[in-house]
Amino acid sequence: MNLPWKHTLEFAGFHLLDGEYQPLEANEKGHLWSRQLGLYLGIHEGLLRYFTPEGKLVFTPEETAERLAAKLRELNIDPETI
């Protein structure tokens, strides 16, 4: 199937000002600030992700669980038993 659009990693954001949408300016990393969320939005490994105001990636719940399970295994604790 030939799709009429091209997939890119480009995205845009806008905010409403005096009844008109104005484009958001990207920072040096290409991230856009969301005042409502208090987070940046940007591309990480081909996906749109959240970043903290300091620029650190916000982990998904799945990533957080995986990191916790890995840490427990480092401590010789089987995460399946707790």
N, C-alpha and C. Protein backbone atom coordinates (compact mmCIF):
# COMPACT_ATOMS: atom_id res chain seq x y z
N MET A 1 0.85 -1.19 0.00
CA MET A 1 0.00 0.00 0.00
C MET A 1 0.89 1.24 0.00
N ASN A 2 0.66 2.12 -0.91
CA ASN A 2 1.42 3.35 -1.01
C ASN A 2 0.67 4.46 -0.29
N LEU A 3 1.22 4.89 0.85
CA LEU A 3 0.55 5.92 1.65
C LEU A 3 0.88 7.30 1.11
N PRO A 4 -0.07 8.23 1.16
CA PRO A 4 0.14 9.56 0.59
C PRO A 4 1.00 10.47 1.46
N TRP A 5 1.40 10.03 2.62
CA TRP A 5 2.21 10.89 3.48
C TRP A 5 3.54 10.20 3.77
N LYS A 6 4.48 10.98 4.18
CA LYS A 6 5.82 10.49 4.48
C LYS A 6 5.99 10.48 6.00
N HIS A 7 6.52 9.39 6.53
CA HIS A 7 6.77 9.30 7.97
C HIS A 7 8.10 9.97 8.30
N THR A 8 8.07 10.89 9.22
CA THR A 8 9.28 11.56 9.67
C THR A 8 9.24 11.61 11.19
N LEU A 9 10.32 12.05 11.77
CA LEU A 9 10.37 12.24 13.21
C LEU A 9 10.16 13.70 13.57
N GLU A 10 9.55 14.45 12.69
CA GLU A 10 9.26 15.84 12.94
C GLU A 10 7.89 15.97 13.61
N PHE A 11 7.77 16.91 14.51
CA PHE A 11 6.49 17.21 15.14
C PHE A 11 6.46 18.70 15.47
N ALA A 12 5.27 19.19 15.68
CA ALA A 12 5.10 20.61 15.99
C ALA A 12 4.13 20.74 17.15
N GLY A 13 4.25 21.83 17.88
CA GLY A 13 3.34 22.11 18.97
C GLY A 13 2.87 23.55 18.89
N PHE A 14 1.70 23.79 19.44
CA PHE A 14 1.11 25.12 19.38
C PHE A 14 0.48 25.46 20.73
N HIS A 15 0.36 26.74 21.01
CA HIS A 15 -0.38 27.20 22.19
C HIS A 15 -1.35 28.29 21.75
N LEU A 16 -2.43 28.35 22.49
CA LEU A 16 -3.49 29.30 22.17
C LEU A 16 -3.19 30.65 22.84
N LEU A 17 -3.12 31.70 22.04
CA LEU A 17 -2.82 33.03 22.55
C LEU A 17 -3.79 34.01 21.90
N ASP A 18 -4.63 34.63 22.73
CA ASP A 18 -5.62 35.59 22.23
C ASP A 18 -6.49 35.00 21.12
N GLY A 19 -6.89 33.74 21.30
CA GLY A 19 -7.78 33.09 20.35
C GLY A 19 -7.12 32.57 19.09
N GLU A 20 -5.79 32.66 19.01
CA GLU A 20 -5.07 32.15 17.83
C GLU A 20 -3.96 31.21 18.28
N TYR A 21 -3.77 30.15 17.49
CA TYR A 21 -2.71 29.19 17.80
C TYR A 21 -1.37 29.73 17.31
N GLN A 22 -0.41 29.73 18.23
CA GLN A 22 0.94 30.18 17.93
C GLN A 22 1.89 28.99 18.06
N PRO A 23 2.86 28.86 17.16
CA PRO A 23 3.79 27.73 17.24
C PRO A 23 4.70 27.83 18.46
N LEU A 24 5.02 26.68 19.04
CA LEU A 24 5.98 26.61 20.14
C LEU A 24 7.39 26.58 19.55
N GLU A 25 8.31 27.22 20.24
CA GLU A 25 9.71 27.23 19.81
C GLU A 25 10.43 26.04 20.45
N ALA A 26 11.16 25.29 19.66
CA ALA A 26 11.93 24.15 20.18
C ALA A 26 13.19 24.65 20.87
N ASN A 27 13.63 23.88 21.89
CA ASN A 27 14.89 24.22 22.56
C ASN A 27 16.05 23.65 21.74
N GLU A 28 17.26 23.74 22.26
CA GLU A 28 18.45 23.30 21.51
C GLU A 28 18.43 21.80 21.20
N LYS A 29 17.66 21.01 21.96
CA LYS A 29 17.55 19.57 21.71
C LYS A 29 16.38 19.24 20.78
N GLY A 30 15.64 20.26 20.37
CA GLY A 30 14.49 20.03 19.51
C GLY A 30 13.23 19.69 20.29
N HIS A 31 13.27 19.88 21.62
CA HIS A 31 12.12 19.57 22.48
C HIS A 31 11.21 20.79 22.60
N LEU A 32 9.93 20.52 22.77
CA LEU A 32 8.94 21.59 22.94
C LEU A 32 8.44 21.59 24.38
N TRP A 33 8.36 22.76 24.98
CA TRP A 33 7.90 22.91 26.36
C TRP A 33 6.38 22.96 26.42
N SER A 34 5.79 22.13 27.30
CA SER A 34 4.35 22.17 27.56
C SER A 34 4.15 22.79 28.93
N ARG A 35 3.63 24.00 28.96
CA ARG A 35 3.37 24.67 30.23
C ARG A 35 2.32 23.92 31.03
N GLN A 36 1.32 23.37 30.34
CA GLN A 36 0.25 22.64 31.03
C GLN A 36 0.77 21.38 31.70
N LEU A 37 1.69 20.67 31.05
CA LEU A 37 2.23 19.44 31.63
C LEU A 37 3.43 19.70 32.55
N GLY A 38 4.10 20.82 32.34
CA GLY A 38 5.33 21.07 33.08
C GLY A 38 6.45 20.16 32.62
N LEU A 39 6.39 19.73 31.36
CA LEU A 39 7.37 18.80 30.79
C LEU A 39 7.67 19.21 29.35
N TYR A 40 8.80 18.73 28.86
CA TYR A 40 9.11 18.86 27.45
C TYR A 40 8.59 17.64 26.71
N LEU A 41 8.32 17.82 25.42
CA LEU A 41 8.00 16.72 24.52
C LEU A 41 9.10 16.67 23.48
N GLY A 42 9.59 15.46 23.22
CA GLY A 42 10.65 15.30 22.23
C GLY A 42 10.72 13.87 21.74
N ILE A 43 11.59 13.65 20.77
CA ILE A 43 11.76 12.33 20.18
C ILE A 43 12.91 11.62 20.90
N HIS A 44 12.65 10.36 21.28
CA HIS A 44 13.67 9.49 21.88
C HIS A 44 13.50 8.11 21.28
N GLU A 45 14.55 7.63 20.61
CA GLU A 45 14.53 6.31 19.98
C GLU A 45 13.30 6.13 19.08
N GLY A 46 12.99 7.17 18.32
CA GLY A 46 11.92 7.10 17.34
C GLY A 46 10.51 7.27 17.89
N LEU A 47 10.39 7.59 19.17
CA LEU A 47 9.07 7.76 19.79
C LEU A 47 8.95 9.13 20.43
N LEU A 48 7.73 9.67 20.44
CA LEU A 48 7.46 10.92 21.14
C LEU A 48 7.41 10.63 22.63
N ARG A 49 8.27 11.31 23.40
CA ARG A 49 8.39 11.03 24.83
C ARG A 49 8.39 12.33 25.63
N TYR A 50 8.18 12.19 26.95
CA TYR A 50 8.25 13.32 27.87
C TYR A 50 9.65 13.42 28.45
N PHE A 51 10.05 14.67 28.75
CA PHE A 51 11.32 14.95 29.39
C PHE A 51 11.09 15.96 30.51
N THR A 52 11.87 15.84 31.58
CA THR A 52 11.75 16.76 32.71
C THR A 52 12.25 18.14 32.30
N PRO A 53 11.99 19.16 33.15
CA PRO A 53 12.53 20.49 32.85
C PRO A 53 14.05 20.50 32.73
N GLU A 54 14.71 19.52 33.38
CA GLU A 54 16.18 19.42 33.30
C GLU A 54 16.62 18.64 32.06
N GLY A 55 15.66 18.12 31.29
CA GLY A 55 15.99 17.41 30.06
C GLY A 55 16.15 15.90 30.21
N LYS A 56 15.81 15.36 31.37
CA LYS A 56 15.93 13.90 31.57
C LYS A 56 14.67 13.20 31.10
N LEU A 57 14.86 12.04 30.51
CA LEU A 57 13.75 11.23 30.01
C LEU A 57 12.85 10.79 31.16
N VAL A 58 11.54 10.91 30.97
CA VAL A 58 10.56 10.40 31.93
C VAL A 58 10.24 8.97 31.52
N PHE A 59 10.50 8.02 32.41
CA PHE A 59 10.28 6.62 32.10
C PHE A 59 8.79 6.29 32.08
N THR A 60 8.44 5.37 31.20
CA THR A 60 7.06 4.87 31.16
C THR A 60 6.87 3.92 32.35
N PRO A 61 5.63 3.62 32.73
CA PRO A 61 5.42 2.65 33.82
C PRO A 61 6.10 1.31 33.54
N GLU A 62 6.08 0.86 32.29
CA GLU A 62 6.71 -0.41 31.94
C GLU A 62 8.22 -0.34 32.15
N GLU A 63 8.84 0.76 31.73
CA GLU A 63 10.28 0.92 31.91
C GLU A 63 10.64 0.98 33.39
N THR A 64 9.81 1.65 34.18
CA THR A 64 10.06 1.74 35.61
C THR A 64 10.01 0.35 36.24
N ALA A 65 9.01 -0.47 35.87
CA ALA A 65 8.89 -1.83 36.40
C ALA A 65 10.09 -2.68 35.99
N GLU A 66 10.53 -2.54 34.75
CA GLU A 66 11.69 -3.30 34.27
C GLU A 66 12.96 -2.91 35.04
N ARG A 67 13.13 -1.62 35.28
CA ARG A 67 14.31 -1.15 36.02
C ARG A 67 14.28 -1.65 37.46
N LEU A 68 13.09 -1.64 38.07
CA LEU A 68 12.96 -2.14 39.44
C LEU A 68 13.26 -3.63 39.49
N ALA A 69 12.73 -4.39 38.55
CA ALA A 69 12.97 -5.83 38.52
C ALA A 69 14.46 -6.12 38.33
N ALA A 70 15.13 -5.37 37.47
CA ALA A 70 16.56 -5.56 37.25
C ALA A 70 17.35 -5.27 38.52
N LYS A 71 16.97 -4.21 39.23
CA LYS A 71 17.66 -3.85 40.48
C LYS A 71 17.46 -4.94 41.53
N LEU A 72 16.24 -5.47 41.64
CA LEU A 72 15.98 -6.56 42.59
C LEU A 72 16.82 -7.78 42.26
N ARG A 73 16.94 -8.11 40.98
CA ARG A 73 17.77 -9.26 40.58
C ARG A 73 19.23 -9.02 40.95
N GLU A 74 19.71 -7.76 40.82
CA GLU A 74 21.08 -7.43 41.24
C GLU A 74 21.28 -7.73 42.72
N LEU A 75 20.21 -7.57 43.50
CA LEU A 75 20.28 -7.81 44.95
C LEU A 75 19.91 -9.26 45.29
N ASN A 76 19.90 -10.13 44.27
CA ASN A 76 19.57 -11.54 44.44
C ASN A 76 18.15 -11.75 44.98
N ILE A 77 17.24 -10.88 44.57
CA ILE A 77 15.82 -11.02 44.94
C ILE A 77 15.05 -11.30 43.68
N ASP A 78 14.28 -12.38 43.68
CA ASP A 78 13.47 -12.72 42.52
C ASP A 78 12.21 -11.88 42.56
N PRO A 79 12.02 -10.96 41.59
CA PRO A 79 10.84 -10.09 41.62
C PRO A 79 9.53 -10.86 41.49
N GLU A 80 9.58 -12.09 41.01
CA GLU A 80 8.37 -12.91 40.87
C GLU A 80 7.88 -13.44 42.21
N THR A 81 8.73 -13.38 43.23
CA THR A 81 8.36 -13.95 44.54
C THR A 81 7.87 -12.90 45.53
N ILE A 82 7.90 -11.66 45.15
CA ILE A 82 7.44 -10.62 46.10
C ILE A 82 6.18 -9.96 45.61
